[in-house]
């Protein structure tokens, strides 16, 4: 068995996940990252993504995470996220509607740069929820 480390995932509403794991795969603002036990410590911003957890039994679990902060230490990794959901918790129809709404607003062009950034992020969240749901259903 690979070396283990503690992973804790917090949202504003609950402790989403807490257990010993072998690895995680997550998207940071500067690209994809994988974290294993005894990883070099770092703190980095997380973007909405499909978040993968390799549990202590070697099985991979898939979840959605919104933007947040990842802190990696030698024995513990903590993700504090605006939202986190398992595939079965994602409302697929709602995510599809959010995607369509964001695409429409972006196609029309925003008046302000901040509007464009807001709807670009909304589109990313919707796309990642859809991808998480689809990947989770396939397993």
C-alpha atoms as a PDB file:
ATOM      1  CA  UNK A   1       0.000   0.000   0.000  1.00  0.00           C
ATOM      2  CA  UNK A   2       1.215   3.498  -0.816  1.00  0.00           C
ATOM      3  CA  UNK A   3       1.949   5.950   1.975  1.00  0.00           C
ATOM      4  CA  UNK A   4      -1.110   7.774   3.306  1.00  0.00           C
ATOM      5  CA  UNK A   5      -1.874  11.319   4.373  1.00  0.00           C
ATOM      6  CA  UNK A   6      -4.898  13.038   5.883  1.00  0.00           C
ATOM      7  CA  UNK A   7      -7.212  14.890   3.513  1.00  0.00           C
ATOM      8  CA  UNK A   8      -9.855  17.281   4.808  1.00  0.00           C
ATOM      9  CA  UNK A   9     -12.264  19.143   2.522  1.00  0.00           C
ATOM     10  CA  UNK A  10     -14.319  21.964   4.015  1.00  0.00           C
ATOM     11  CA  UNK A  11     -17.149  24.007   2.520  1.00  0.00           C
ATOM     12  CA  UNK A  12     -18.929  26.908   4.236  1.00  0.00           C
ATOM     13  CA  UNK A  13     -21.656  24.469   5.286  1.00  0.00           C
ATOM     14  CA  UNK A  14     -19.930  21.273   6.304  1.00  0.00           C
ATOM     15  CA  UNK A  15     -16.909  19.057   6.499  1.00  0.00           C
ATOM     16  CA  UNK A  16     -17.276  17.433   3.077  1.00  0.00           C
ATOM     17  CA  UNK A  17     -14.555  14.790   3.404  1.00  0.00           C
ATOM     18  CA  UNK A  18     -12.050  13.637   6.012  1.00  0.00           C
ATOM     19  CA  UNK A  19      -9.984  10.462   5.753  1.00  0.00           C
ATOM     20  CA  UNK A  20      -6.563   9.017   5.055  1.00  0.00           C
ATOM     21  CA  UNK A  21      -5.833   8.911   1.311  1.00  0.00           C
ATOM     22  CA  UNK A  22      -3.078   7.859  -1.090  1.00  0.00           C
ATOM     23  CA  UNK A  23      -3.319  10.812  -3.493  1.00  0.00           C
ATOM     24  CA  UNK A  24      -5.433  13.612  -4.911  1.00  0.00           C
ATOM     25  CA  UNK A  25      -5.620  15.191  -8.366  1.00  0.00           C
ATOM     26  CA  UNK A  26      -6.904  18.764  -8.593  1.00  0.00           C
ATOM     27  CA  UNK A  27      -6.761  21.851 -10.815  1.00  0.00           C
ATOM     28  CA  UNK A  28      -4.926  24.844  -9.420  1.00  0.00           C
ATOM     29  CA  UNK A  29      -4.942  28.307 -10.948  1.00  0.00           C
ATOM     30  CA  UNK A  30      -1.621  27.500 -12.656  1.00  0.00           C
ATOM     31  CA  UNK A  31      -2.484  23.990 -13.860  1.00  0.00           C
ATOM     32  CA  UNK A  32      -3.206  20.442 -12.776  1.00  0.00           C
ATOM     33  CA  UNK A  33      -1.549  19.056  -9.685  1.00  0.00           C
ATOM     34  CA  UNK A  34      -1.271  15.701  -7.960  1.00  0.00           C
ATOM     35  CA  UNK A  35      -0.480  15.433  -4.271  1.00  0.00           C
ATOM     36  CA  UNK A  36       0.941  12.359  -2.553  1.00  0.00           C
ATOM     37  CA  UNK A  37       2.125  11.651   0.993  1.00  0.00           C
ATOM     38  CA  UNK A  38       5.186  13.667   2.037  1.00  0.00           C
ATOM     39  CA  UNK A  39       4.593  16.189  -0.742  1.00  0.00           C
ATOM     40  CA  UNK A  40       6.516  19.446  -0.588  1.00  0.00           C
ATOM     41  CA  UNK A  41       4.350  21.920   1.368  1.00  0.00           C
ATOM     42  CA  UNK A  42       2.546  24.624  -0.591  1.00  0.00           C
ATOM     43  CA  UNK A  43      -0.613  26.717  -0.599  1.00  0.00           C
ATOM     44  CA  UNK A  44      -2.398  27.503  -3.862  1.00  0.00           C
ATOM     45  CA  UNK A  45      -5.725  28.707  -5.255  1.00  0.00           C
ATOM     46  CA  UNK A  46      -8.022  26.034  -6.687  1.00  0.00           C
ATOM     47  CA  UNK A  47     -10.293  26.612  -9.692  1.00  0.00           C
ATOM     48  CA  UNK A  48     -13.605  24.803 -10.275  1.00  0.00           C
ATOM     49  CA  UNK A  49     -12.736  21.280 -11.378  1.00  0.00           C
ATOM     50  CA  UNK A  50     -13.278  17.559 -11.222  1.00  0.00           C
ATOM     51  CA  UNK A  51     -11.424  16.647  -8.037  1.00  0.00           C
ATOM     52  CA  UNK A  52     -10.134  13.084  -7.686  1.00  0.00           C
ATOM     53  CA  UNK A  53      -9.312  11.308  -4.458  1.00  0.00           C
ATOM     54  CA  UNK A  54      -7.369   8.024  -4.348  1.00  0.00           C
ATOM     55  CA  UNK A  55      -8.625   6.441  -1.164  1.00  0.00           C
ATOM     56  CA  UNK A  56      -6.582   4.224   1.148  1.00  0.00           C
ATOM     57  CA  UNK A  57      -8.035   1.104  -0.551  1.00  0.00           C
ATOM     58  CA  UNK A  58      -6.685   2.313  -3.919  1.00  0.00           C
ATOM     59  CA  UNK A  59     -10.108   3.235  -5.346  1.00  0.00           C
ATOM     60  CA  UNK A  60     -10.515   6.635  -7.000  1.00  0.00           C
ATOM     61  CA  UNK A  61     -13.478   8.824  -5.996  1.00  0.00           C
ATOM     62  CA  UNK A  62     -14.608  11.766  -8.084  1.00  0.00           C
ATOM     63  CA  UNK A  63     -16.118  15.000  -6.778  1.00  0.00           C
ATOM     64  CA  UNK A  64     -16.761  18.534  -7.965  1.00  0.00           C
ATOM     65  CA  UNK A  65     -15.050  21.412  -6.224  1.00  0.00           C
ATOM     66  CA  UNK A  66     -15.642  25.110  -6.751  1.00  0.00           C
ATOM     67  CA  UNK A  67     -12.910  27.696  -6.253  1.00  0.00           C
ATOM     68  CA  UNK A  68     -10.977  27.498  -3.040  1.00  0.00           C
ATOM     69  CA  UNK A  69      -7.591  27.228  -1.374  1.00  0.00           C
ATOM     70  CA  UNK A  70      -5.471  24.092  -1.076  1.00  0.00           C
ATOM     71  CA  UNK A  71      -2.909  23.828   1.713  1.00  0.00           C
ATOM     72  CA  UNK A  72      -0.467  20.921   1.558  1.00  0.00           C
ATOM     73  CA  UNK A  73       1.744  19.962   4.489  1.00  0.00           C
ATOM     74  CA  UNK A  74       3.835  16.847   5.056  1.00  0.00           C
ATOM     75  CA  UNK A  75       1.085  14.890   6.823  1.00  0.00           C
ATOM     76  CA  UNK A  76      -2.132  16.750   6.062  1.00  0.00           C
ATOM     77  CA  UNK A  77      -3.791  18.399   3.080  1.00  0.00           C
ATOM     78  CA  UNK A  78      -6.708  20.777   3.540  1.00  0.00           C
ATOM     79  CA  UNK A  79      -9.018  22.079   0.828  1.00  0.00           C
ATOM     80  CA  UNK A  80     -11.326  24.948   1.751  1.00  0.00           C
ATOM     81  CA  UNK A  81     -13.809  25.345  -1.083  1.00  0.00           C
ATOM     82  CA  UNK A  82     -16.893  27.438  -1.844  1.00  0.00           C
ATOM     83  CA  UNK A  83     -18.693  24.181  -2.720  1.00  0.00           C
ATOM     84  CA  UNK A  84     -17.994  20.464  -3.078  1.00  0.00           C
ATOM     85  CA  UNK A  85     -20.360  17.795  -4.368  1.00  0.00           C
ATOM     86  CA  UNK A  86     -20.306  14.082  -5.089  1.00  0.00           C
ATOM     87  CA  UNK A  87     -21.556  13.149  -8.583  1.00  0.00           C
ATOM     88  CA  UNK A  88     -24.890  11.857  -7.254  1.00  0.00           C
ATOM     89  CA  UNK A  89     -25.497  15.187  -5.466  1.00  0.00           C
ATOM     90  CA  UNK A  90     -25.200  17.246  -8.656  1.00  0.00           C
ATOM     91  CA  UNK A  91     -28.454  18.414 -10.225  1.00  0.00           C
ATOM     92  CA  UNK A  92     -27.598  17.675 -13.864  1.00  0.00           C
ATOM     93  CA  UNK A  93     -30.519  19.632 -15.340  1.00  0.00           C
ATOM     94  CA  UNK A  94     -29.695  22.676 -13.227  1.00  0.00           C
ATOM     95  CA  UNK A  95     -26.046  22.506 -14.301  1.00  0.00           C
ATOM     96  CA  UNK A  96     -27.089  22.288 -17.973  1.00  0.00           C
ATOM     97  CA  UNK A  97     -29.354  25.339 -17.576  1.00  0.00           C
ATOM     98  CA  UNK A  98     -26.563  27.273 -15.846  1.00  0.00           C
ATOM     99  CA  UNK A  99     -24.216  26.369 -18.702  1.00  0.00           C
ATOM    100  CA  UNK A 100     -26.709  27.518 -21.343  1.00  0.00           C
ATOM    101  CA  UNK A 101     -27.400  30.769 -19.462  1.00  0.00           C
ATOM    102  CA  UNK A 102     -23.685  31.574 -19.083  1.00  0.00           C
ATOM    103  CA  UNK A 103     -22.966  30.735 -22.736  1.00  0.00           C
ATOM    104  CA  UNK A 104     -25.820  32.981 -23.877  1.00  0.00           C
ATOM    105  CA  UNK A 105     -24.689  35.928 -21.765  1.00  0.00           C
ATOM    106  CA  UNK A 106     -21.079  35.508 -22.904  1.00  0.00           C
ATOM    107  CA  UNK A 107     -22.166  35.276 -26.558  1.00  0.00           C
ATOM    108  CA  UNK A 108     -24.066  38.550 -26.188  1.00  0.00           C
ATOM    109  CA  UNK A 109     -20.967  40.193 -24.740  1.00  0.00           C
ATOM    110  CA  UNK A 110     -20.790  41.811 -21.345  1.00  0.00           C
ATOM    111  CA  UNK A 111     -20.815  45.518 -20.754  1.00  0.00           C
ATOM    112  CA  UNK A 112     -18.204  45.271 -18.061  1.00  0.00           C
ATOM    113  CA  UNK A 113     -15.060  43.176 -17.794  1.00  0.00           C
ATOM    114  CA  UNK A 114     -16.229  41.955 -14.374  1.00  0.00           C
ATOM    115  CA  UNK A 115     -19.474  40.641 -15.955  1.00  0.00           C
ATOM    116  CA  UNK A 116     -17.460  38.635 -18.434  1.00  0.00           C
ATOM    117  CA  UNK A 117     -15.246  37.194 -15.681  1.00  0.00           C
ATOM    118  CA  UNK A 118     -18.288  36.324 -13.552  1.00  0.00           C
ATOM    119  CA  UNK A 119     -20.025  34.450 -16.366  1.00  0.00           C
ATOM    120  CA  UNK A 120     -16.810  32.801 -17.555  1.00  0.00           C
ATOM    121  CA  UNK A 121     -16.409  31.379 -14.042  1.00  0.00           C
ATOM    122  CA  UNK A 122     -20.108  30.398 -13.957  1.00  0.00           C
ATOM    123  CA  UNK A 123     -19.618  28.541 -17.249  1.00  0.00           C
ATOM    124  CA  UNK A 124     -16.556  26.730 -15.857  1.00  0.00           C
ATOM    125  CA  UNK A 125     -18.459  25.698 -12.705  1.00  0.00           C
ATOM    126  CA  UNK A 126     -21.360  24.386 -14.791  1.00  0.00           C
ATOM    127  CA  UNK A 127     -19.038  22.482 -17.142  1.00  0.00           C
ATOM    128  CA  UNK A 128     -17.127  20.918 -14.250  1.00  0.00           C
ATOM    129  CA  UNK A 129     -20.352  19.890 -12.479  1.00  0.00           C
ATOM    130  CA  UNK A 130     -21.565  18.263 -15.716  1.00  0.00           C
ATOM    131  CA  UNK A 131     -18.224  16.491 -16.221  1.00  0.00           C
ATOM    132  CA  UNK A 132     -18.160  15.312 -12.585  1.00  0.00           C
ATOM    133  CA  UNK A 133     -21.678  13.962 -12.862  1.00  0.00           C
ATOM    134  CA  UNK A 134     -20.940  12.174 -16.142  1.00  0.00           C
ATOM    135  CA  UNK A 135     -17.659  10.669 -14.888  1.00  0.00           C
ATOM    136  CA  UNK A 136     -19.222   9.664 -11.588  1.00  0.00           C
ATOM    137  CA  UNK A 137     -22.143   7.917 -13.262  1.00  0.00           C
ATOM    138  CA  UNK A 138     -19.762   5.915 -15.476  1.00  0.00           C
ATOM    139  CA  UNK A 139     -17.978   4.350 -12.462  1.00  0.00           C
END
